[in-house]
Amino acid sequence: MAKKTETKESYQPAAFDPKAYAAKKRKADPAFRAAYDALEDEFAALAALLAARKDAGLTQADVAARMGVSQPVLARIESSLGSRKHSPSLETLRRYAGACGKKLVIQMV
């Protein structure tokens, strides 16, 4: 039996929209909604980090170099906000902000 070769024309990746999936799942599943909503502040903090880095036109490697850490360490800092395993300290967030030419500001609303 001949092995089928994928070509550019035959490859069709499955479309996935995580925001739409989460919105749909939040409406249908109360347990998912509670868990998702409990992460709202982590999502907001991660969005702020990524926006600061993007606004500064920097890569993870750029920010890492400015902070004096390696790129994998910076990737763990960014990913830790969604996992709740090792949240970055305020000092780390200050250094990240400074590396992006920003100032860390914390607000309670």
PDB file of N, CA and C in Angstrom:
ATOM      1  N   MET A   1       0.841  -1.177   0.000  1.00  0.00           N
ATOM      2  CA  MET A   1       0.000   0.000   0.000  1.00  0.00           C
ATOM      3  C   MET A   1       0.887   1.241   0.000  1.00  0.00           C
ATOM      4  N   ALA A   2       0.624   2.178  -0.864  1.00  0.00           N
ATOM      5  CA  ALA A   2       1.427   3.390  -0.993  1.00  0.00           C
ATOM      6  C   ALA A   2       1.086   4.367   0.131  1.00  0.00           C
ATOM      7  N   LYS A   3       2.121   4.978   0.657  1.00  0.00           N
ATOM      8  CA  LYS A   3       1.929   5.963   1.716  1.00  0.00           C
ATOM      9  C   LYS A   3       1.471   7.285   1.100  1.00  0.00           C
ATOM     10  N   LYS A   4       0.433   7.873   1.665  1.00  0.00           N
ATOM     11  CA  LYS A   4      -0.087   9.139   1.169  1.00  0.00           C
ATOM     12  C   LYS A   4       0.845  10.270   1.604  1.00  0.00           C
ATOM     13  N   THR A   5       1.228  11.090   0.666  1.00  0.00           N
ATOM     14  CA  THR A   5       2.090  12.222   0.944  1.00  0.00           C
ATOM     15  C   THR A   5       1.240  13.487   1.066  1.00  0.00           C
ATOM     16  N   GLU A   6       1.462  14.203   2.169  1.00  0.00           N
ATOM     17  CA  GLU A   6       0.735  15.462   2.340  1.00  0.00           C
ATOM     18  C   GLU A   6       1.382  16.550   1.510  1.00  0.00           C
ATOM     19  N   THR A   7       0.568  17.299   0.855  1.00  0.00           N
ATOM     20  CA  THR A   7       1.050  18.442   0.088  1.00  0.00           C
ATOM     21  C   THR A   7       0.457  19.693   0.689  1.00  0.00           C
ATOM     22  N   LYS A   8       0.938  20.821   0.234  1.00  0.00           N
ATOM     23  CA  LYS A   8       0.394  22.084   0.704  1.00  0.00           C
ATOM     24  C   LYS A   8      -1.106  22.157   0.468  1.00  0.00           C
ATOM     25  N   GLU A   9      -1.539  21.607  -0.651  1.00  0.00           N
ATOM     26  CA  GLU A   9      -2.955  21.670  -1.009  1.00  0.00           C
ATOM     27  C   GLU A   9      -3.803  20.729  -0.152  1.00  0.00           C
ATOM     28  N   SER A  10      -3.222  19.608   0.316  1.00  0.00           N
ATOM     29  CA  SER A  10      -4.015  18.642   1.074  1.00  0.00           C
ATOM     30  C   SER A  10      -4.000  18.920   2.578  1.00  0.00           C
ATOM     31  N   TYR A  11      -3.031  19.675   3.055  1.00  0.00           N
ATOM     32  CA  TYR A  11      -2.934  19.960   4.473  1.00  0.00           C
ATOM     33  C   TYR A  11      -3.917  21.050   4.852  1.00  0.00           C
ATOM     34  N   GLN A  12      -4.829  20.727   5.753  1.00  0.00           N
ATOM     35  CA  GLN A  12      -5.810  21.699   6.209  1.00  0.00           C
ATOM     36  C   GLN A  12      -5.897  21.622   7.729  1.00  0.00           C
ATOM     37  N   PRO A  13      -5.160  22.484   8.415  1.00  0.00           N
ATOM     38  CA  PRO A  13      -5.183  22.444   9.879  1.00  0.00           C
ATOM     39  C   PRO A  13      -6.571  22.783  10.413  1.00  0.00           C
ATOM     40  N   ALA A  14      -6.874  22.191  11.539  1.00  0.00           N
ATOM     41  CA  ALA A  14      -8.160  22.470  12.177  1.00  0.00           C
ATOM     42  C   ALA A  14      -8.133  23.870  12.769  1.00  0.00           C
ATOM     43  N   ALA A  15      -9.149  24.644  12.494  1.00  0.00           N
ATOM     44  CA  ALA A  15      -9.244  25.994  13.041  1.00  0.00           C
ATOM     45  C   ALA A  15      -9.624  25.905  14.518  1.00  0.00           C
ATOM     46  N   PHE A  16      -8.990  26.712  15.351  1.00  0.00           N
ATOM     47  CA  PHE A  16      -9.309  26.729  16.773  1.00  0.00           C
ATOM     48  C   PHE A  16      -9.213  28.159  17.275  1.00  0.00           C
ATOM     49  N   ASP A  17     -10.275  28.620  17.884  1.00  0.00           N
ATOM     50  CA  ASP A  17     -10.328  29.960  18.442  1.00  0.00           C
ATOM     51  C   ASP A  17     -10.495  29.820  19.955  1.00  0.00           C
ATOM     52  N   PRO A  18      -9.383  29.920  20.716  1.00  0.00           N
ATOM     53  CA  PRO A  18      -9.473  29.697  22.156  1.00  0.00           C
ATOM     54  C   PRO A  18     -10.422  30.641  22.882  1.00  0.00           C
ATOM     55  N   LYS A  19     -10.487  31.899  22.451  1.00  0.00           N
ATOM     56  CA  LYS A  19     -11.393  32.850  23.121  1.00  0.00           C
ATOM     57  C   LYS A  19     -12.847  32.451  22.911  1.00  0.00           C
ATOM     58  N   ALA A  20     -13.188  32.052  21.695  1.00  0.00           N
ATOM     59  CA  ALA A  20     -14.557  31.632  21.403  1.00  0.00           C
ATOM     60  C   ALA A  20     -14.893  30.343  22.157  1.00  0.00           C
ATOM     61  N   TYR A  21     -13.924  29.432  22.219  1.00  0.00           N
ATOM     62  CA  TYR A  21     -14.131  28.173  22.940  1.00  0.00           C
ATOM     63  C   TYR A  21     -14.394  28.452  24.413  1.00  0.00           C
ATOM     64  N   ALA A  22     -13.562  29.319  25.006  1.00  0.00           N
ATOM     65  CA  ALA A  22     -13.728  29.639  26.426  1.00  0.00           C
ATOM     66  C   ALA A  22     -15.061  30.318  26.679  1.00  0.00           C
ATOM     67  N   ALA A  23     -15.466  31.228  25.800  1.00  0.00           N
ATOM     68  CA  ALA A  23     -16.747  31.926  25.967  1.00  0.00           C
ATOM     69  C   ALA A  23     -17.903  30.943  25.911  1.00  0.00           C
ATOM     70  N   LYS A  24     -17.843  30.022  24.968  1.00  0.00           N
ATOM     71  CA  LYS A  24     -18.909  29.017  24.833  1.00  0.00           C
ATOM     72  C   LYS A  24     -18.934  28.095  26.045  1.00  0.00           C
ATOM     73  N   LYS A  25     -17.755  27.652  26.471  1.00  0.00           N
ATOM     74  CA  LYS A  25     -17.660  26.732  27.614  1.00  0.00           C
ATOM     75  C   LYS A  25     -18.106  27.427  28.902  1.00  0.00           C
ATOM     76  N   ARG A  26     -17.791  28.718  29.062  1.00  0.00           N
ATOM     77  CA  ARG A  26     -18.209  29.467  30.252  1.00  0.00           C
ATOM     78  C   ARG A  26     -19.727  29.505  30.372  1.00  0.00           C
ATOM     79  N   LYS A  27     -20.416  29.662  29.224  1.00  0.00           N
ATOM     80  CA  LYS A  27     -21.884  29.715  29.243  1.00  0.00           C
ATOM     81  C   LYS A  27     -22.499  28.366  29.601  1.00  0.00           C
ATOM     82  N   ALA A  28     -21.867  27.296  29.149  1.00  0.00           N
ATOM     83  CA  ALA A  28     -22.456  25.967  29.288  1.00  0.00           C
ATOM     84  C   ALA A  28     -22.064  25.232  30.568  1.00  0.00           C
ATOM     85  N   ASP A  29     -20.938  25.597  31.177  1.00  0.00           N
ATOM     86  CA  ASP A  29     -20.413  24.801  32.290  1.00  0.00           C
ATOM     87  C   ASP A  29     -20.096  25.702  33.481  1.00  0.00           C
ATOM     88  N   PRO A  30     -20.936  25.650  34.522  1.00  0.00           N
ATOM     89  CA  PRO A  30     -20.713  26.510  35.696  1.00  0.00           C
ATOM     90  C   PRO A  30     -19.362  26.275  36.376  1.00  0.00           C
ATOM     91  N   ALA A  31     -18.892  25.035  36.422  1.00  0.00           N
ATOM     92  CA  ALA A  31     -17.598  24.740  37.049  1.00  0.00           C
ATOM     93  C   ALA A  31     -16.462  25.367  36.236  1.00  0.00           C
ATOM     94  N   PHE A  32     -16.576  25.295  34.914  1.00  0.00           N
ATOM     95  CA  PHE A  32     -15.567  25.916  34.049  1.00  0.00           C
ATOM     96  C   PHE A  32     -15.586  27.423  34.249  1.00  0.00           C
ATOM     97  N   ARG A  33     -16.783  28.004  34.303  1.00  0.00           N
ATOM     98  CA  ARG A  33     -16.921  29.450  34.487  1.00  0.00           C
ATOM     99  C   ARG A  33     -16.247  29.889  35.787  1.00  0.00           C
ATOM    100  N   ALA A  34     -16.487  29.159  36.871  1.00  0.00           N
ATOM    101  CA  ALA A  34     -15.898  29.520  38.165  1.00  0.00           C
ATOM    102  C   ALA A  34     -14.370  29.434  38.110  1.00  0.00           C
ATOM    103  N   ALA A  35     -13.857  28.370  37.516  1.00  0.00           N
ATOM    104  CA  ALA A  35     -12.402  28.205  37.421  1.00  0.00           C
ATOM    105  C   ALA A  35     -11.792  29.272  36.517  1.00  0.00           C
ATOM    106  N   TYR A  36     -12.439  29.545  35.407  1.00  0.00           N
ATOM    107  CA  TYR A  36     -11.943  30.547  34.453  1.00  0.00           C
ATOM    108  C   TYR A  36     -11.964  31.934  35.089  1.00  0.00           C
ATOM    109  N   ASP A  37     -13.046  32.261  35.748  1.00  0.00           N
ATOM    110  CA  ASP A  37     -13.176  33.583  36.371  1.00  0.00           C
ATOM    111  C   ASP A  37     -12.173  33.771  37.507  1.00  0.00           C
ATOM    112  N   ALA A  38     -11.814  32.670  38.182  1.00  0.00           N
ATOM    113  CA  ALA A  38     -10.840  32.749  39.260  1.00  0.00           C
ATOM    114  C   ALA A  38      -9.456  33.120  38.737  1.00  0.00           C
ATOM    115  N   LEU A  39      -9.225  32.909  37.448  1.00  0.00           N
ATOM    116  CA  LEU A  39      -7.935  33.226  36.838  1.00  0.00           C
ATOM    117  C   LEU A  39      -7.908  34.604  36.176  1.00  0.00           C
ATOM    118  N   GLU A  40      -8.970  35.362  36.315  1.00  0.00           N
ATOM    119  CA  GLU A  40      -9.086  36.645  35.617  1.00  0.00           C
ATOM    120  C   GLU A  40      -7.906  37.573  35.886  1.00  0.00           C
ATOM    121  N   ASP A  41      -7.472  37.676  37.149  1.00  0.00           N
ATOM    122  CA  ASP A  41      -6.367  38.586  37.438  1.00  0.00           C
ATOM    123  C   ASP A  41      -5.049  38.091  36.848  1.00  0.00           C
ATOM    124  N   GLU A  42      -4.842  36.755  36.800  1.00  0.00           N
ATOM    125  CA  GLU A  42      -3.631  36.229  36.172  1.00  0.00           C
ATOM    126  C   GLU A  42      -3.631  36.517  34.670  1.00  0.00           C
ATOM    127  N   PHE A  43      -4.791  36.330  34.031  1.00  0.00           N
ATOM    128  CA  PHE A  43      -4.894  36.627  32.597  1.00  0.00           C
ATOM    129  C   PHE A  43      -4.623  38.105  32.335  1.00  0.00           C
ATOM    130  N   ALA A  44      -5.139  38.970  33.187  1.00  0.00           N
ATOM    131  CA  ALA A  44      -4.933  40.409  33.017  1.00  0.00           C
ATOM    132  C   ALA A  44      -3.456  40.762  33.203  1.00  0.00           C
ATOM    133  N   ALA A  45      -2.811  40.149  34.187  1.00  0.00           N
ATOM    134  CA  ALA A  45      -1.388  40.421  34.422  1.00  0.00           C
ATOM    135  C   ALA A  45      -0.551  39.935  33.241  1.00  0.00           C
ATOM    136  N   LEU A  46      -0.842  38.749  32.735  1.00  0.00           N
ATOM    137  CA  LEU A  46      -0.112  38.230  31.578  1.00  0.00           C
ATOM    138  C   LEU A  46      -0.328  39.127  30.367  1.00  0.00           C
ATOM    139  N   ALA A  47      -1.557  39.560  30.150  1.00  0.00           N
ATOM    140  CA  ALA A  47      -1.842  40.452  29.020  1.00  0.00           C
ATOM    141  C   ALA A  47      -1.057  41.750  29.150  1.00  0.00           C
ATOM    142  N   ALA A  48      -0.925  42.264  30.376  1.00  0.00           N
ATOM    143  CA  ALA A  48      -0.170  43.498  30.593  1.00  0.00           C
ATOM    144  C   ALA A  48       1.312  43.296  30.280  1.00  0.00           C
ATOM    145  N   LEU A  49       1.879  42.150  30.696  1.00  0.00           N
ATOM    146  CA  LEU A  49       3.282  41.871  30.386  1.00  0.00           C
ATOM    147  C   LEU A  49       3.499  41.790  28.879  1.00  0.00           C
ATOM    148  N   LEU A  50       2.665  41.016  28.228  1.00  0.00           N
ATOM    149  CA  LEU A  50       2.828  40.832  26.788  1.00  0.00           C
ATOM    150  C   LEU A  50       2.613  42.135  26.023  1.00  0.00           C
ATOM    151  N   ALA A  51       1.671  42.946  26.477  1.00  0.00           N
ATOM    152  CA  ALA A  51       1.419  44.237  25.823  1.00  0.00           C
ATOM    153  C   ALA A  51       2.620  45.170  26.003  1.00  0.00           C
ATOM    154  N   ALA A  52       3.213  45.171  27.202  1.00  0.00           N
ATOM    155  CA  ALA A  52       4.381  46.028  27.452  1.00  0.00           C
ATOM    156  C   ALA A  52       5.537  45.610  26.554  1.00  0.00           C
ATOM    157  N   ARG A  53       5.743  44.298  26.444  1.00  0.00           N
ATOM    158  CA  ARG A  53       6.837  43.803  25.602  1.00  0.00           C
ATOM    159  C   ARG A  53       6.586  44.133  24.135  1.00  0.00           C
ATOM    160  N   LYS A  54       5.340  43.948  23.700  1.00  0.00           N
ATOM    161  CA  LYS A  54       4.991  44.245  22.302  1.00  0.00           C
ATOM    162  C   LYS A  54       5.113  45.744  22.020  1.00  0.00           C
ATOM    163  N   ASP A  55       4.594  46.574  22.930  1.00  0.00           N
ATOM    164  CA  ASP A  55       4.671  48.029  22.753  1.00  0.00           C
ATOM    165  C   ASP A  55       6.119  48.507  22.638  1.00  0.00           C
ATOM    166  N   ALA A  56       7.009  47.826  23.362  1.00  0.00           N
ATOM    167  CA  ALA A  56       8.424  48.197  23.322  1.00  0.00           C
ATOM    168  C   ALA A  56       9.122  47.606  22.095  1.00  0.00           C
ATOM    169  N   GLY A  57       8.414  46.741  21.362  1.00  0.00           N
ATOM    170  CA  GLY A  57       8.999  46.119  20.180  1.00  0.00           C
ATOM    171  C   GLY A  57      10.105  45.134  20.524  1.00  0.00           C
ATOM    172  N   LEU A  58       9.957  44.457  21.658  1.00  0.00           N
ATOM    173  CA  LEU A  58      10.996  43.560  22.150  1.00  0.00           C
ATOM    174  C   LEU A  58      10.575  42.098  22.073  1.00  0.00           C
ATOM    175  N   THR A  59      11.555  41.235  21.904  1.00  0.00           N
ATOM    176  CA  THR A  59      11.331  39.788  21.978  1.00  0.00           C
ATOM    177  C   THR A  59      11.565  39.338  23.412  1.00  0.00           C
ATOM    178  N   GLN A  60      11.226  38.083  23.697  1.00  0.00           N
ATOM    179  CA  GLN A  60      11.543  37.541  25.020  1.00  0.00           C
ATOM    180  C   GLN A  60      13.043  37.613  25.271  1.00  0.00           C
ATOM    181  N   ALA A  61      13.835  37.304  24.244  1.00  0.00           N
ATOM    182  CA  ALA A  61      15.296  37.332  24.397  1.00  0.00           C
ATOM    183  C   ALA A  61      15.774  38.741  24.725  1.00  0.00           C
ATOM    184  N   ASP A  62      15.177  39.751  24.105  1.00  0.00           N
ATOM    185  CA  ASP A  62      15.549  41.144  24.376  1.00  0.00           C
ATOM    186  C   ASP A  62      15.272  41.512  25.834  1.00  0.00           C
ATOM    187  N   VAL A  63      14.061  41.198  26.286  1.00  0.00           N
ATOM    188  CA  VAL A  63      13.680  41.538  27.663  1.00  0.00           C
ATOM    189  C   VAL A  63      14.550  40.760  28.645  1.00  0.00           C
ATOM    190  N   ALA A  64      14.779  39.486  28.347  1.00  0.00           N
ATOM    191  CA  ALA A  64      15.621  38.661  29.218  1.00  0.00           C
ATOM    192  C   ALA A  64      17.011  39.262  29.359  1.00  0.00           C
ATOM    193  N   ALA A  65      17.599  39.669  28.244  1.00  0.00           N
ATOM    194  CA  ALA A  65      18.941  40.264  28.289  1.00  0.00           C
ATOM    195  C   ALA A  65      18.946  41.526  29.133  1.00  0.00           C
ATOM    196  N   ARG A  66      17.924  42.347  28.986  1.00  0.00           N
ATOM    197  CA  ARG A  66      17.844  43.586  29.770  1.00  0.00           C
ATOM    198  C   ARG A  66      17.650  43.312  31.257  1.00  0.00           C
ATOM    199  N   MET A  67      17.004  42.178  31.574  1.00  0.00           N
ATOM    200  CA  MET A  67      16.783  41.810  32.973  1.00  0.00           C
ATOM    201  C   MET A  67      17.955  41.032  33.557  1.00  0.00           C
ATOM    202  N   GLY A  68      18.847  40.569  32.685  1.00  0.00           N
ATOM    203  CA  GLY A  68      19.985  39.780  33.154  1.00  0.00           C
ATOM    204  C   GLY A  68      19.632  38.328  33.428  1.00  0.00           C
ATOM    205  N   VAL A  69      18.625  37.811  32.721  1.00  0.00           N
ATOM    206  CA  VAL A  69      18.232  36.407  32.851  1.00  0.00           C
ATOM    207  C   VAL A  69      18.241  35.781  31.458  1.00  0.00           C
ATOM    208  N   SER A  70      18.086  34.480  31.403  1.00  0.00           N
ATOM    209  CA  SER A  70      18.039  33.805  30.106  1.00  0.00           C
ATOM    210  C   SER A  70      16.621  33.865  29.537  1.00  0.00           C
ATOM    211  N   GLN A  71      16.505  33.639  28.247  1.00  0.00           N
ATOM    212  CA  GLN A  71      15.183  33.644  27.598  1.00  0.00           C
ATOM    213  C   GLN A  71      14.259  32.579  28.183  1.00  0.00           C
ATOM    214  N   PRO A  72      14.745  31.335  28.460  1.00  0.00           N
ATOM    215  CA  PRO A  72      13.838  30.356  29.084  1.00  0.00           C
ATOM    216  C   PRO A  72      13.313  30.812  30.452  1.00  0.00           C
ATOM    217  N   VAL A  73      14.138  31.532  31.205  1.00  0.00           N
ATOM    218  CA  VAL A  73      13.678  32.060  32.499  1.00  0.00           C
ATOM    219  C   VAL A  73      12.563  33.071  32.269  1.00  0.00           C
ATOM    220  N   LEU A  74      12.732  33.930  31.279  1.00  0.00           N
ATOM    221  CA  LEU A  74      11.693  34.917  30.986  1.00  0.00           C
ATOM    222  C   LEU A  74      10.412  34.219  30.519  1.00  0.00           C
ATOM    223  N   ALA A  75      10.542  33.189  29.713  1.00  0.00           N
ATOM    224  CA  ALA A  75       9.364  32.431  29.268  1.00  0.00           C
ATOM    225  C   ALA A  75       8.630  31.843  30.470  1.00  0.00           C
ATOM    226  N   ARG A  76       9.379  31.347  31.455  1.00  0.00           N
ATOM    227  CA  ARG A  76       8.740  30.801  32.664  1.00  0.00           C
ATOM    228  C   ARG A  76       8.048  31.901  33.456  1.00  0.00           C
ATOM    229  N   ILE A  77       8.637  33.094  33.496  1.00  0.00           N
ATOM    230  CA  ILE A  77       7.998  34.218  34.199  1.00  0.00           C
ATOM    231  C   ILE A  77       6.647  34.511  33.551  1.00  0.00           C
ATOM    232  N   GLU A  78       6.642  34.625  32.224  1.00  0.00           N
ATOM    233  CA  GLU A  78       5.391  34.919  31.520  1.00  0.00           C
ATOM    234  C   GLU A  78       4.377  33.791  31.682  1.00  0.00           C
ATOM    235  N   SER A  79       4.818  32.550  31.565  1.00  0.00           N
ATOM    236  CA  SER A  79       3.866  31.435  31.633  1.00  0.00           C
ATOM    237  C   SER A  79       3.391  31.155  33.054  1.00  0.00           C
ATOM    238  N   SER A  80       4.170  31.559  34.054  1.00  0.00           N
ATOM    239  CA  SER A  80       3.788  31.277  35.438  1.00  0.00           C
ATOM    240  C   SER A  80       2.516  32.004  35.847  1.00  0.00           C
ATOM    241  N   LEU A  81       2.211  33.104  35.189  1.00  0.00           N
ATOM    242  CA  LEU A  81       1.012  33.856  35.556  1.00  0.00           C
ATOM    243  C   LEU A  81      -0.257  33.069  35.273  1.00  0.00           C
ATOM    244  N   GLY A  82      -0.251  32.241  34.250  1.00  0.00           N
ATOM    245  CA  GLY A  82      -1.426  31.435  33.944  1.00  0.00           C
ATOM    246  C   GLY A  82      -1.487  30.148  34.725  1.00  0.00           C
ATOM    247  N   SER A  83      -0.368  29.708  35.255  1.00  0.00           N
ATOM    248  CA  SER A  83      -0.336  28.410  35.927  1.00  0.00           C
ATOM    249  C   SER A  83      -0.507  28.502  37.431  1.00  0.00           C
ATOM    250  N   ARG A  84      -0.248  29.655  38.001  1.00  0.00           N
ATOM    251  CA  ARG A  84      -0.313  29.876  39.455  1.00  0.00           C
ATOM    252  C   ARG A  84       0.711  29.055  40.227  1.00  0.00           C
ATOM    253  N   LYS A  85       1.665  28.453  39.553  1.00  0.00           N
ATOM    254  CA  LYS A  85       2.652  27.626  40.245  1.00  0.00           C
ATOM    255  C   LYS A  85       3.717  28.480  40.924  1.00  0.00           C
ATOM    256  N   HIS A  86       4.282  29.406  40.192  1.00  0.00           N
ATOM    257  CA  HIS A  86       5.357  30.235  40.717  1.00  0.00           C
ATOM    258  C   HIS A  86       5.129  31.664  40.260  1.00  0.00           C
ATOM    259  N   SER A  87       4.265  32.361  40.924  1.00  0.00           N
ATOM    260  CA  SER A  87       3.980  33.736  40.534  1.00  0.00           C
ATOM    261  C   SER A  87       5.216  34.588  40.726  1.00  0.00           C
ATOM    262  N   PRO A  88       5.507  35.475  39.772  1.00  0.00           N
ATOM    263  CA  PRO A  88       6.683  36.328  39.908  1.00  0.00           C
ATOM    264  C   PRO A  88       6.519  37.317  41.057  1.00  0.00           C
ATOM    265  N   SER A  89       7.637  37.648  41.664  1.00  0.00           N
ATOM    266  CA  SER A  89       7.624  38.622  42.756  1.00  0.00           C
ATOM    267  C   SER A  89       7.390  40.022  42.202  1.00  0.00           C
ATOM    268  N   LEU A  90       7.070  40.947  43.084  1.00  0.00           N
ATOM    269  CA  LEU A  90       6.919  42.339  42.672  1.00  0.00           C
ATOM    270  C   LEU A  90       8.233  42.873  42.101  1.00  0.00           C
ATOM    271  N   GLU A  91       9.354  42.477  42.688  1.00  0.00           N
ATOM    272  CA  GLU A  91      10.649  42.918  42.185  1.00  0.00           C
ATOM    273  C   GLU A  91      10.874  42.416  40.757  1.00  0.00           C
ATOM    274  N   THR A  92      10.493  41.182  40.479  1.00  0.00           N
ATOM    275  CA  THR A  92      10.639  40.643  39.120  1.00  0.00           C
ATOM    276  C   THR A  92       9.747  41.411  38.155  1.00  0.00           C
ATOM    277  N   LEU A  93       8.525  41.727  38.583  1.00  0.00           N
ATOM    278  CA  LEU A  93       7.622  42.497  37.729  1.00  0.00           C
ATOM    279  C   LEU A  93       8.156  43.912  37.495  1.00  0.00           C
ATOM    280  N   ARG A  94       8.781  44.512  38.516  1.00  0.00           N
ATOM    281  CA  ARG A  94       9.398  45.831  38.343  1.00  0.00           C
ATOM    282  C   ARG A  94      10.529  45.765  37.315  1.00  0.00           C
ATOM    283  N   ARG A  95      11.366  44.734  37.423  1.00  0.00           N
ATOM    284  CA  ARG A  95      12.484  44.578  36.477  1.00  0.00           C
ATOM    285  C   ARG A  95      11.963  44.347  35.061  1.00  0.00           C
ATOM    286  N   TYR A  96      10.903  43.561  34.928  1.00  0.00           N
ATOM    287  CA  TYR A  96      10.296  43.307  33.610  1.00  0.00           C
ATOM    288  C   TYR A  96       9.789  44.628  33.035  1.00  0.00           C
ATOM    289  N   ALA A  97       9.057  45.371  33.850  1.00  0.00           N
ATOM    290  CA  ALA A  97       8.523  46.664  33.390  1.00  0.00           C
ATOM    291  C   ALA A  97       9.657  47.588  32.976  1.00  0.00           C
ATOM    292  N   GLY A  98      10.692  47.681  33.787  1.00  0.00           N
ATOM    293  CA  GLY A  98      11.824  48.533  33.476  1.00  0.00           C
ATOM    294  C   GLY A  98      12.519  48.109  32.185  1.00  0.00           C
ATOM    295  N   ALA A  99      12.630  46.818  31.964  1.00  0.00           N
ATOM    296  CA  ALA A  99      13.256  46.309  30.739  1.00  0.00           C
ATOM    297  C   ALA A  99      12.458  46.699  29.505  1.00  0.00           C
ATOM    298  N   CYS A 100      11.160  46.913  29.692  1.00  0.00           N
ATOM    299  CA  CYS A 100      10.284  47.314  28.589  1.00  0.00           C
ATOM    300  C   CYS A 100      10.103  48.830  28.528  1.00  0.00           C
ATOM    301  N   GLY A 101      10.827  49.553  29.382  1.00  0.00           N
ATOM    302  CA  GLY A 101      10.710  51.011  29.399  1.00  0.00           C
ATOM    303  C   GLY A 101       9.437  51.491  30.068  1.00  0.00           C
ATOM    304  N   LYS A 102       8.907  50.676  30.956  1.00  0.00           N
ATOM    305  CA  LYS A 102       7.651  51.002  31.652  1.00  0.00           C
ATOM    306  C   LYS A 102       7.894  51.079  33.148  1.00  0.00           C
ATOM    307  N   LYS A 103       6.864  51.484  33.874  1.00  0.00           N
ATOM    308  CA  LYS A 103       6.875  51.511  35.332  1.00  0.00           C
ATOM    309  C   LYS A 103       5.737  50.616  35.819  1.00  0.00           C
ATOM    310  N   LEU A 104       6.015  49.795  36.806  1.00  0.00           N
ATOM    311  CA  LEU A 104       4.985  48.926  37.377  1.00  0.00           C
ATOM    312  C   LEU A 104       4.042  49.757  38.232  1.00  0.00           C
ATOM    313  N   VAL A 105       2.746  49.650  37.978  1.00  0.00           N
ATOM    314  CA  VAL A 105       1.723  50.316  38.766  1.00  0.00           C
ATOM    315  C   VAL A 105       0.688  49.275  39.156  1.00  0.00           C
ATOM    316  N   ILE A 106       0.350  49.213  40.424  1.00  0.00           N
ATOM    317  CA  ILE A 106      -0.641  48.250  40.915  1.00  0.00           C
ATOM    318  C   ILE A 106      -1.853  49.030  41.372  1.00  0.00           C
ATOM    319  N   GLN A 107      -3.029  48.571  40.947  1.00  0.00           N
ATOM    320  CA  GLN A 107      -4.264  49.250  41.308  1.00  0.00           C
ATOM    321  C   GLN A 107      -5.270  48.236  41.862  1.00  0.00           C
ATOM    322  N   MET A 108      -6.100  48.691  42.759  1.00  0.00           N
ATOM    323  CA  MET A 108      -7.237  47.905  43.224  1.00  0.00           C
ATOM    324  C   MET A 108      -8.473  48.689  42.848  1.00  0.00           C
ATOM    325  N   VAL A 109      -9.364  48.046  42.141  1.00  0.00           N
ATOM    326  CA  VAL A 109     -10.584  48.723  41.696  1.00  0.00           C
ATOM    327  C   VAL A 109     -11.806  48.016  42.204  1.00  0.00           C
TER     328      VAL A 109
END
